[in-house]
mmCIF file of all heavy atoms, coordinates in Angstrom:
data_MODEL
# 
_entry.id   MODEL 
# 
loop_
_atom_site.group_PDB 
_atom_site.id 
_atom_site.type_symbol 
_atom_site.label_atom_id 
_atom_site.label_alt_id 
_atom_site.label_comp_id 
_atom_site.label_asym_id 
_atom_site.label_entity_id 
_atom_site.label_seq_id 
_atom_site.pdbx_PDB_ins_code 
_atom_site.Cartn_x 
_atom_site.Cartn_y 
_atom_site.Cartn_z 
_atom_site.occupancy 
_atom_site.B_iso_or_equiv 
_atom_site.pdbx_formal_charge 
_atom_site.auth_seq_id 
_atom_site.auth_comp_id 
_atom_site.auth_asym_id 
_atom_site.auth_atom_id 
_atom_site.pdbx_PDB_model_num 
ATOM 1   N N   . GLN A 1 1  ? -43.909 -9.407  -22.281 1.00 0.00 ? 1  GLN A N   1 
ATOM 2   C CA  . GLN A 1 1  ? -44.992 -10.034 -21.528 1.00 0.00 ? 1  GLN A CA  1 
ATOM 3   C C   . GLN A 1 1  ? -44.554 -11.382 -20.958 1.00 0.00 ? 1  GLN A C   1 
ATOM 4   O O   . GLN A 1 1  ? -44.844 -11.697 -19.799 1.00 0.00 ? 1  GLN A O   1 
ATOM 5   C CB  . GLN A 1 1  ? -46.211 -10.221 -22.437 1.00 0.00 ? 1  GLN A CB  1 
ATOM 6   C CG  . GLN A 1 1  ? -46.884 -8.919  -22.847 1.00 0.00 ? 1  GLN A CG  1 
ATOM 7   C CD  . GLN A 1 1  ? -47.949 -9.133  -23.909 1.00 0.00 ? 1  GLN A CD  1 
ATOM 8   O OE1 . GLN A 1 1  ? -48.141 -10.241 -24.404 1.00 0.00 ? 1  GLN A OE1 1 
ATOM 9   N NE2 . GLN A 1 1  ? -48.640 -8.053  -24.277 1.00 0.00 ? 1  GLN A NE2 1 
ATOM 10  N N   . ALA A 1 2  ? -43.858 -12.177 -21.784 1.00 0.00 ? 2  ALA A N   1 
ATOM 11  C CA  . ALA A 1 2  ? -43.418 -13.503 -21.344 1.00 0.00 ? 2  ALA A CA  1 
ATOM 12  C C   . ALA A 1 2  ? -42.433 -13.410 -20.184 1.00 0.00 ? 2  ALA A C   1 
ATOM 13  O O   . ALA A 1 2  ? -42.517 -14.177 -19.210 1.00 0.00 ? 2  ALA A O   1 
ATOM 14  C CB  . ALA A 1 2  ? -42.789 -14.252 -22.516 1.00 0.00 ? 2  ALA A CB  1 
ATOM 15  N N   . LEU A 1 3  ? -41.503 -12.461 -20.262 1.00 0.00 ? 3  LEU A N   1 
ATOM 16  C CA  . LEU A 1 3  ? -40.515 -12.322 -19.196 1.00 0.00 ? 3  LEU A CA  1 
ATOM 17  C C   . LEU A 1 3  ? -41.155 -11.803 -17.915 1.00 0.00 ? 3  LEU A C   1 
ATOM 18  O O   . LEU A 1 3  ? -40.856 -12.281 -16.812 1.00 0.00 ? 3  LEU A O   1 
ATOM 19  C CB  . LEU A 1 3  ? -39.381 -11.399 -19.650 1.00 0.00 ? 3  LEU A CB  1 
ATOM 20  C CG  . LEU A 1 3  ? -38.482 -11.950 -20.764 1.00 0.00 ? 3  LEU A CG  1 
ATOM 21  C CD1 . LEU A 1 3  ? -37.473 -10.900 -21.198 1.00 0.00 ? 3  LEU A CD1 1 
ATOM 22  C CD2 . LEU A 1 3  ? -37.771 -13.216 -20.320 1.00 0.00 ? 3  LEU A CD2 1 
ATOM 23  N N   . ASN A 1 4  ? -42.016 -10.839 -18.031 1.00 0.00 ? 4  ASN A N   1 
ATOM 24  C CA  . ASN A 1 4  ? -42.696 -10.318 -16.843 1.00 0.00 ? 4  ASN A CA  1 
ATOM 25  C C   . ASN A 1 4  ? -43.555 -11.380 -16.182 1.00 0.00 ? 4  ASN A C   1 
ATOM 26  O O   . ASN A 1 4  ? -43.666 -11.422 -14.948 1.00 0.00 ? 4  ASN A O   1 
ATOM 27  C CB  . ASN A 1 4  ? -43.538 -9.093  -17.215 1.00 0.00 ? 4  ASN A CB  1 
ATOM 28  C CG  . ASN A 1 4  ? -42.694 -7.844  -17.374 1.00 0.00 ? 4  ASN A CG  1 
ATOM 29  O OD1 . ASN A 1 4  ? -41.798 -7.580  -16.582 1.00 0.00 ? 4  ASN A OD1 1 
ATOM 30  N ND2 . ASN A 1 4  ? -42.960 -7.070  -18.420 1.00 0.00 ? 4  ASN A ND2 1 
ATOM 31  N N   . ALA A 1 5  ? -44.153 -12.258 -17.002 1.00 0.00 ? 5  ALA A N   1 
ATOM 32  C CA  . ALA A 1 5  ? -44.957 -13.345 -16.449 1.00 0.00 ? 5  ALA A CA  1 
ATOM 33  C C   . ALA A 1 5  ? -44.110 -14.310 -15.627 1.00 0.00 ? 5  ALA A C   1 
ATOM 34  O O   . ALA A 1 5  ? -44.620 -14.991 -14.734 1.00 0.00 ? 5  ALA A O   1 
ATOM 35  C CB  . ALA A 1 5  ? -45.664 -14.098 -17.572 1.00 0.00 ? 5  ALA A CB  1 
ATOM 36  N N   . ARG A 1 6  ? -42.809 -14.350 -15.940 1.00 0.00 ? 6  ARG A N   1 
ATOM 37  C CA  . ARG A 1 6  ? -41.870 -15.193 -15.186 1.00 0.00 ? 6  ARG A CA  1 
ATOM 38  C C   . ARG A 1 6  ? -41.123 -14.398 -14.114 1.00 0.00 ? 6  ARG A C   1 
ATOM 39  O O   . ARG A 1 6  ? -40.126 -14.861 -13.578 1.00 0.00 ? 6  ARG A O   1 
ATOM 40  C CB  . ARG A 1 6  ? -40.857 -15.814 -16.140 1.00 0.00 ? 6  ARG A CB  1 
ATOM 41  C CG  . ARG A 1 6  ? -41.443 -16.692 -17.226 1.00 0.00 ? 6  ARG A CG  1 
ATOM 42  C CD  . ARG A 1 6  ? -42.030 -17.985 -16.676 1.00 0.00 ? 6  ARG A CD  1 
ATOM 43  N NE  . ARG A 1 6  ? -42.194 -18.944 -17.749 1.00 0.00 ? 6  ARG A NE  1 
ATOM 44  C CZ  . ARG A 1 6  ? -41.270 -19.835 -18.115 1.00 0.00 ? 6  ARG A CZ  1 
ATOM 45  N NH1 . ARG A 1 6  ? -40.126 -19.906 -17.467 1.00 0.00 ? 6  ARG A NH1 1 
ATOM 46  N NH2 . ARG A 1 6  ? -41.512 -20.669 -19.103 1.00 0.00 ? 6  ARG A NH2 1 
ATOM 47  N N   . ARG A 1 7  ? -41.573 -13.201 -13.848 1.00 0.00 ? 7  ARG A N   1 
ATOM 48  C CA  . ARG A 1 7  ? -40.967 -12.332 -12.830 1.00 0.00 ? 7  ARG A CA  1 
ATOM 49  C C   . ARG A 1 7  ? -39.529 -11.963 -13.174 1.00 0.00 ? 7  ARG A C   1 
ATOM 50  O O   . ARG A 1 7  ? -38.673 -11.826 -12.292 1.00 0.00 ? 7  ARG A O   1 
ATOM 51  C CB  . ARG A 1 7  ? -41.053 -12.979 -11.442 1.00 0.00 ? 7  ARG A CB  1 
ATOM 52  C CG  . ARG A 1 7  ? -42.483 -13.205 -10.992 1.00 0.00 ? 7  ARG A CG  1 
ATOM 53  C CD  . ARG A 1 7  ? -42.544 -13.801 -9.603  1.00 0.00 ? 7  ARG A CD  1 
ATOM 54  N NE  . ARG A 1 7  ? -43.926 -14.046 -9.201  1.00 0.00 ? 7  ARG A NE  1 
ATOM 55  C CZ  . ARG A 1 7  ? -44.285 -14.596 -8.032  1.00 0.00 ? 7  ARG A CZ  1 
ATOM 56  N NH1 . ARG A 1 7  ? -43.352 -14.962 -7.164  1.00 0.00 ? 7  ARG A NH1 1 
ATOM 57  N NH2 . ARG A 1 7  ? -45.553 -14.790 -7.756  1.00 0.00 ? 7  ARG A NH2 1 
ATOM 58  N N   . TRP A 1 8  ? -39.265 -11.804 -14.469 1.00 0.00 ? 8  TRP A N   1 
ATOM 59  C CA  . TRP A 1 8  ? -37.982 -11.284 -14.940 1.00 0.00 ? 8  TRP A CA  1 
ATOM 60  C C   . TRP A 1 8  ? -38.290 -9.958  -15.619 1.00 0.00 ? 8  TRP A C   1 
ATOM 61  O O   . TRP A 1 8  ? -38.847 -9.919  -16.702 1.00 0.00 ? 8  TRP A O   1 
ATOM 62  C CB  . TRP A 1 8  ? -37.316 -12.266 -15.893 1.00 0.00 ? 8  TRP A CB  1 
ATOM 63  C CG  . TRP A 1 8  ? -35.853 -11.982 -16.099 1.00 0.00 ? 8  TRP A CG  1 
ATOM 64  C CD1 . TRP A 1 8  ? -35.270 -11.490 -17.217 1.00 0.00 ? 8  TRP A CD1 1 
ATOM 65  C CD2 . TRP A 1 8  ? -34.797 -12.188 -15.165 1.00 0.00 ? 8  TRP A CD2 1 
ATOM 66  N NE1 . TRP A 1 8  ? -33.908 -11.370 -17.041 1.00 0.00 ? 8  TRP A NE1 1 
ATOM 67  C CE2 . TRP A 1 8  ? -33.591 -11.794 -15.783 1.00 0.00 ? 8  TRP A CE2 1 
ATOM 68  C CE3 . TRP A 1 8  ? -34.740 -12.671 -13.852 1.00 0.00 ? 8  TRP A CE3 1 
ATOM 69  C CZ2 . TRP A 1 8  ? -32.351 -11.860 -15.149 1.00 0.00 ? 8  TRP A CZ2 1 
ATOM 70  C CZ3 . TRP A 1 8  ? -33.511 -12.747 -13.219 1.00 0.00 ? 8  TRP A CZ3 1 
ATOM 71  C CH2 . TRP A 1 8  ? -32.342 -12.345 -13.866 1.00 0.00 ? 8  TRP A CH2 1 
ATOM 72  N N   . ARG A 1 9  ? -37.962 -8.875  -14.965 1.00 0.00 ? 9  ARG A N   1 
ATOM 73  C CA  . ARG A 1 9  ? -38.497 -7.569  -15.314 1.00 0.00 ? 9  ARG A CA  1 
ATOM 74  C C   . ARG A 1 9  ? -38.093 -7.118  -16.713 1.00 0.00 ? 9  ARG A C   1 
ATOM 75  O O   . ARG A 1 9  ? -36.906 -7.101  -17.072 1.00 0.00 ? 9  ARG A O   1 
ATOM 76  C CB  . ARG A 1 9  ? -38.020 -6.534  -14.284 1.00 0.00 ? 9  ARG A CB  1 
ATOM 77  C CG  . ARG A 1 9  ? -38.659 -5.162  -14.467 1.00 0.00 ? 9  ARG A CG  1 
ATOM 78  C CD  . ARG A 1 9  ? -38.114 -4.184  -13.453 1.00 0.00 ? 9  ARG A CD  1 
ATOM 79  N NE  . ARG A 1 9  ? -38.536 -2.818  -13.750 1.00 0.00 ? 9  ARG A NE  1 
ATOM 80  C CZ  . ARG A 1 9  ? -37.880 -1.745  -13.331 1.00 0.00 ? 9  ARG A CZ  1 
ATOM 81  N NH1 . ARG A 1 9  ? -36.774 -1.878  -12.601 1.00 0.00 ? 9  ARG A NH1 1 
ATOM 82  N NH2 . ARG A 1 9  ? -38.325 -0.532  -13.639 1.00 0.00 ? 9  ARG A NH2 1 
ATOM 83  N N   . ALA A 1 10 ? -39.107 -6.752  -17.499 1.00 0.00 ? 10 ALA A N   1 
ATOM 84  C CA  . ALA A 1 10 ? -38.886 -6.267  -18.863 1.00 0.00 ? 10 ALA A CA  1 
ATOM 85  C C   . ALA A 1 10 ? -39.891 -5.163  -19.161 1.00 0.00 ? 10 ALA A C   1 
ATOM 86  O O   . ALA A 1 10 ? -41.000 -5.159  -18.641 1.00 0.00 ? 10 ALA A O   1 
ATOM 87  C CB  . ALA A 1 10 ? -39.035 -7.405  -19.856 1.00 0.00 ? 10 ALA A CB  1 
ATOM 88  N N   . GLU A 1 11 ? -39.473 -4.240  -20.022 1.00 0.00 ? 11 GLU A N   1 
ATOM 89  C CA  . GLU A 1 11 ? -40.302 -3.081  -20.329 1.00 0.00 ? 11 GLU A CA  1 
ATOM 90  C C   . GLU A 1 11 ? -40.376 -2.900  -21.848 1.00 0.00 ? 11 GLU A C   1 
ATOM 91  O O   . GLU A 1 11 ? -39.358 -2.763  -22.517 1.00 0.00 ? 11 GLU A O   1 
ATOM 92  C CB  . GLU A 1 11 ? -39.697 -1.832  -19.691 1.00 0.00 ? 11 GLU A CB  1 
ATOM 93  C CG  . GLU A 1 11 ? -40.443 -0.545  -19.978 1.00 0.00 ? 11 GLU A CG  1 
ATOM 94  C CD  . GLU A 1 11 ? -39.732 0.673   -19.418 1.00 0.00 ? 11 GLU A CD  1 
ATOM 95  O OE1 . GLU A 1 11 ? -38.518 0.575   -19.093 1.00 0.00 ? 11 GLU A OE1 1 
ATOM 96  O OE2 . GLU A 1 11 ? -40.388 1.727   -19.302 1.00 0.00 ? 11 GLU A OE2 1 
ATOM 97  N N   . ALA A 1 12 ? -41.598 -2.929  -22.390 1.00 0.00 ? 12 ALA A N   1 
ATOM 98  C CA  . ALA A 1 12 ? -41.793 -2.661  -23.803 1.00 0.00 ? 12 ALA A CA  1 
ATOM 99  C C   . ALA A 1 12 ? -41.596 -1.171  -24.073 1.00 0.00 ? 12 ALA A C   1 
ATOM 100 O O   . ALA A 1 12 ? -42.069 -0.322  -23.310 1.00 0.00 ? 12 ALA A O   1 
ATOM 101 C CB  . ALA A 1 12 ? -43.194 -3.084  -24.233 1.00 0.00 ? 12 ALA A CB  1 
ATOM 102 N N   . LEU A 1 13 ? -40.879 -0.859  -25.175 1.00 0.00 ? 13 LEU A N   1 
ATOM 103 C CA  . LEU A 1 13 ? -40.496 0.525   -25.451 1.00 0.00 ? 13 LEU A CA  1 
ATOM 104 C C   . LEU A 1 13 ? -40.867 0.926   -26.875 1.00 0.00 ? 13 LEU A C   1 
ATOM 105 O O   . LEU A 1 13 ? -40.863 0.102   -27.793 1.00 0.00 ? 13 LEU A O   1 
ATOM 106 C CB  . LEU A 1 13 ? -38.981 0.689   -25.277 1.00 0.00 ? 13 LEU A CB  1 
ATOM 107 C CG  . LEU A 1 13 ? -38.387 0.361   -23.907 1.00 0.00 ? 13 LEU A CG  1 
ATOM 108 C CD1 . LEU A 1 13 ? -36.868 0.359   -23.994 1.00 0.00 ? 13 LEU A CD1 1 
ATOM 109 C CD2 . LEU A 1 13 ? -38.863 1.336   -22.853 1.00 0.00 ? 13 LEU A CD2 1 
ATOM 110 N N   . SER A 1 14 ? -41.137 2.203   -27.042 1.00 0.00 ? 14 SER A N   1 
ATOM 111 C CA  . SER A 1 14 ? -41.342 2.786   -28.373 1.00 0.00 ? 14 SER A CA  1 
ATOM 112 C C   . SER A 1 14 ? -39.984 3.125   -28.985 1.00 0.00 ? 14 SER A C   1 
ATOM 113 O O   . SER A 1 14 ? -38.935 3.083   -28.317 1.00 0.00 ? 14 SER A O   1 
ATOM 114 C CB  . SER A 1 14 ? -42.179 4.052   -28.260 1.00 0.00 ? 14 SER A CB  1 
ATOM 115 O OG  . SER A 1 14 ? -41.435 5.062   -27.564 1.00 0.00 ? 14 SER A OG  1 
ATOM 116 N N   . GLY A 1 15 ? -40.007 3.507   -30.255 1.00 0.00 ? 15 GLY A N   1 
ATOM 117 C CA  . GLY A 1 15 ? -38.776 3.928   -30.912 1.00 0.00 ? 15 GLY A CA  1 
ATOM 118 C C   . GLY A 1 15 ? -38.151 5.134   -30.237 1.00 0.00 ? 15 GLY A C   1 
ATOM 119 O O   . GLY A 1 15 ? -36.923 5.217   -30.086 1.00 0.00 ? 15 GLY A O   1 
ATOM 120 N N   . GLU A 1 16 ? -38.988 6.077   -29.825 1.00 0.00 ? 16 GLU A N   1 
ATOM 121 C CA  . GLU A 1 16 ? -38.475 7.276   -29.146 1.00 0.00 ? 16 GLU A CA  1 
ATOM 122 C C   . GLU A 1 16 ? -37.834 6.914   -27.811 1.00 0.00 ? 16 GLU A C   1 
ATOM 123 O O   . GLU A 1 16 ? -36.811 7.498   -27.412 1.00 0.00 ? 16 GLU A O   1 
ATOM 124 C CB  . GLU A 1 16 ? -39.607 8.273   -28.917 1.00 0.00 ? 16 GLU A CB  1 
ATOM 125 C CG  . GLU A 1 16 ? -40.169 8.909   -30.187 1.00 0.00 ? 16 GLU A CG  1 
ATOM 126 C CD  . GLU A 1 16 ? -41.117 7.982   -30.950 1.00 0.00 ? 16 GLU A CD  1 
ATOM 127 O OE1 . GLU A 1 16 ? -41.481 6.907   -30.400 1.00 0.00 ? 16 GLU A OE1 1 
ATOM 128 O OE2 . GLU A 1 16 ? -41.484 8.335   -32.083 1.00 0.00 ? 16 GLU A OE2 1 
ATOM 129 N N   . GLN A 1 17 ? -38.397 5.929   -27.127 1.00 0.00 ? 17 GLN A N   1 
ATOM 130 C CA  . GLN A 1 17 ? -37.853 5.545   -25.819 1.00 0.00 ? 17 GLN A CA  1 
ATOM 131 C C   . GLN A 1 17 ? -36.507 4.848   -25.935 1.00 0.00 ? 17 GLN A C   1 
ATOM 132 O O   . GLN A 1 17 ? -35.604 5.101   -25.132 1.00 0.00 ? 17 GLN A O   1 
ATOM 133 C CB  . GLN A 1 17 ? -38.865 4.660   -25.085 1.00 0.00 ? 17 GLN A CB  1 
ATOM 134 C CG  . GLN A 1 17 ? -40.081 5.407   -24.573 1.00 0.00 ? 17 GLN A CG  1 
ATOM 135 C CD  . GLN A 1 17 ? -41.151 4.479   -24.023 1.00 0.00 ? 17 GLN A CD  1 
ATOM 136 O OE1 . GLN A 1 17 ? -41.492 3.464   -24.634 1.00 0.00 ? 17 GLN A OE1 1 
ATOM 137 N NE2 . GLN A 1 17 ? -41.688 4.821   -22.853 1.00 0.00 ? 17 GLN A NE2 1 
ATOM 138 N N   . VAL A 1 18 ? -36.344 3.968   -26.929 1.00 0.00 ? 18 VAL A N   1 
ATOM 139 C CA  . VAL A 1 18 ? -35.035 3.325   -27.072 1.00 0.00 ? 18 VAL A CA  1 
ATOM 140 C C   . VAL A 1 18 ? -33.986 4.352   -27.486 1.00 0.00 ? 18 VAL A C   1 
ATOM 141 O O   . VAL A 1 18 ? -32.826 4.286   -27.048 1.00 0.00 ? 18 VAL A O   1 
ATOM 142 C CB  . VAL A 1 18 ? -35.068 2.134   -28.071 1.00 0.00 ? 18 VAL A CB  1 
ATOM 143 C CG1 . VAL A 1 18 ? -35.969 1.028   -27.570 1.00 0.00 ? 18 VAL A CG1 1 
ATOM 144 C CG2 . VAL A 1 18 ? -35.447 2.558   -29.468 1.00 0.00 ? 18 VAL A CG2 1 
ATOM 145 N N   . GLN A 1 19 ? -34.391 5.302   -28.304 1.00 0.00 ? 19 GLN A N   1 
ATOM 146 C CA  . GLN A 1 19 ? -33.457 6.354   -28.718 1.00 0.00 ? 19 GLN A CA  1 
ATOM 147 C C   . GLN A 1 19 ? -33.021 7.205   -27.529 1.00 0.00 ? 19 GLN A C   1 
ATOM 148 O O   . GLN A 1 19 ? -31.846 7.596   -27.409 1.00 0.00 ? 19 GLN A O   1 
ATOM 149 C CB  . GLN A 1 19 ? -34.129 7.246   -29.764 1.00 0.00 ? 19 GLN A CB  1 
ATOM 150 C CG  . GLN A 1 19 ? -33.238 8.348   -30.318 1.00 0.00 ? 19 GLN A CG  1 
ATOM 151 C CD  . GLN A 1 19 ? -32.363 7.851   -31.450 1.00 0.00 ? 19 GLN A CD  1 
ATOM 152 O OE1 . GLN A 1 19 ? -32.862 7.294   -32.412 1.00 0.00 ? 19 GLN A OE1 1 
ATOM 153 N NE2 . GLN A 1 19 ? -31.059 8.041   -31.323 1.00 0.00 ? 19 GLN A NE2 1 
ATOM 154 N N   . LYS A 1 20 ? -33.942 7.464   -26.613 1.00 0.00 ? 20 LYS A N   1 
ATOM 155 C CA  . LYS A 1 20 ? -33.607 8.256   -25.433 1.00 0.00 ? 20 LYS A CA  1 
ATOM 156 C C   . LYS A 1 20 ? -32.665 7.504   -24.507 1.00 0.00 ? 20 LYS A C   1 
ATOM 157 O O   . LYS A 1 20 ? -31.739 8.079   -23.933 1.00 0.00 ? 20 LYS A O   1 
ATOM 158 C CB  . LYS A 1 20 ? -34.884 8.643   -24.684 1.00 0.00 ? 20 LYS A CB  1 
ATOM 159 C CG  . LYS A 1 20 ? -34.656 9.575   -23.516 1.00 0.00 ? 20 LYS A CG  1 
ATOM 160 C CD  . LYS A 1 20 ? -35.963 10.019  -22.886 1.00 0.00 ? 20 LYS A CD  1 
ATOM 161 C CE  . LYS A 1 20 ? -35.734 10.972  -21.715 1.00 0.00 ? 20 LYS A CE  1 
ATOM 162 N NZ  . LYS A 1 20 ? -37.026 11.400  -21.087 1.00 0.00 ? 20 LYS A NZ  1 
ATOM 163 N N   . LEU A 1 21 ? -32.897 6.199   -24.362 1.00 0.00 ? 21 LEU A N   1 
ATOM 164 C CA  . LEU A 1 21 ? -32.024 5.388   -23.507 1.00 0.00 ? 21 LEU A CA  1 
ATOM 165 C C   . LEU A 1 21 ? -30.627 5.261   -24.091 1.00 0.00 ? 21 LEU A C   1 
ATOM 166 O O   . LEU A 1 21 ? -29.635 5.275   -23.361 1.00 0.00 ? 21 LEU A O   1 
ATOM 167 C CB  . LEU A 1 21 ? -32.625 3.994   -23.308 1.00 0.00 ? 21 LEU A CB  1 
ATOM 168 C CG  . LEU A 1 21 ? -33.752 3.859   -22.296 1.00 0.00 ? 21 LEU A CG  1 
ATOM 169 C CD1 . LEU A 1 21 ? -34.356 2.458   -22.350 1.00 0.00 ? 21 LEU A CD1 1 
ATOM 170 C CD2 . LEU A 1 21 ? -33.261 4.162   -20.884 1.00 0.00 ? 21 LEU A CD2 1 
ATOM 171 N N   . GLU A 1 22 ? -30.535 5.104   -25.410 1.00 0.00 ? 22 GLU A N   1 
ATOM 172 C CA  . GLU A 1 22 ? -29.244 4.936   -26.082 1.00 0.00 ? 22 GLU A CA  1 
ATOM 173 C C   . GLU A 1 22 ? -29.179 5.860   -27.297 1.00 0.00 ? 22 GLU A C   1 
ATOM 174 O O   . GLU A 1 22 ? -29.567 5.485   -28.407 1.00 0.00 ? 22 GLU A O   1 
ATOM 175 C CB  . GLU A 1 22 ? -29.035 3.479   -26.504 1.00 0.00 ? 22 GLU A CB  1 
ATOM 176 C CG  . GLU A 1 22 ? -28.839 2.513   -25.354 1.00 0.00 ? 22 GLU A CG  1 
ATOM 177 C CD  . GLU A 1 22 ? -27.523 2.712   -24.600 1.00 0.00 ? 22 GLU A CD  1 
ATOM 178 O OE1 . GLU A 1 22 ? -26.699 3.536   -25.042 1.00 0.00 ? 22 GLU A OE1 1 
ATOM 179 O OE2 . GLU A 1 22 ? -27.335 2.034   -23.580 1.00 0.00 ? 22 GLU A OE2 1 
ATOM 180 N N   . PRO A 1 23 ? -28.718 7.094   -27.120 1.00 0.00 ? 23 PRO A N   1 
ATOM 181 C CA  . PRO A 1 23 ? -28.675 8.061   -28.228 1.00 0.00 ? 23 PRO A CA  1 
ATOM 182 C C   . PRO A 1 23 ? -27.830 7.615   -29.414 1.00 0.00 ? 23 PRO A C   1 
ATOM 183 O O   . PRO A 1 23 ? -27.999 8.147   -30.523 1.00 0.00 ? 23 PRO A O   1 
ATOM 184 C CB  . PRO A 1 23 ? -28.086 9.314   -27.564 1.00 0.00 ? 23 PRO A CB  1 
ATOM 185 C CG  . PRO A 1 23 ? -28.405 9.173   -26.111 1.00 0.00 ? 23 PRO A CG  1 
ATOM 186 C CD  . PRO A 1 23 ? -28.327 7.705   -25.833 1.00 0.00 ? 23 PRO A CD  1 
ATOM 187 N N   . ALA A 1 24 ? -26.926 6.652   -29.206 1.00 0.00 ? 24 ALA A N   1 
ATOM 188 C CA  . ALA A 1 24 ? -26.092 6.191   -30.324 1.00 0.00 ? 24 ALA A CA  1 
ATOM 189 C C   . ALA A 1 24 ? -26.883 5.356   -31.327 1.00 0.00 ? 24 ALA A C   1 
ATOM 190 O O   . ALA A 1 24 ? -26.415 5.141   -32.452 1.00 0.00 ? 24 ALA A O   1 
ATOM 191 C CB  . ALA A 1 24 ? -24.910 5.378   -29.800 1.00 0.00 ? 24 ALA A CB  1 
ATOM 192 N N   . LEU A 1 25 ? -28.055 4.873   -30.948 1.00 0.00 ? 25 LEU A N   1 
ATOM 193 C CA  . LEU A 1 25 ? -28.888 4.114   -31.883 1.00 0.00 ? 25 LEU A CA  1 
ATOM 194 C C   . LEU A 1 25 ? -29.376 5.015   -33.009 1.00 0.00 ? 25 LEU A C   1 
ATOM 195 O O   . LEU A 1 25 ? -29.611 6.205   -32.810 1.00 0.00 ? 25 LEU A O   1 
ATOM 196 C CB  . LEU A 1 25 ? -30.087 3.509   -31.157 1.00 0.00 ? 25 LEU A CB  1 
ATOM 197 C CG  . LEU A 1 25 ? -29.802 2.324   -30.228 1.00 0.00 ? 25 LEU A CG  1 
ATOM 198 C CD1 . LEU A 1 25 ? -31.007 2.056   -29.330 1.00 0.00 ? 25 LEU A CD1 1 
ATOM 199 C CD2 . LEU A 1 25 ? -29.452 1.068   -31.033 1.00 0.00 ? 25 LEU A CD2 1 
# 
């Protein structure tokens, strides 16, 4: 939220989403 408020793009993710982005996790 803080980064997006400063126009620095960030996306909150669930555990399943981080695992999908980086299967090595």
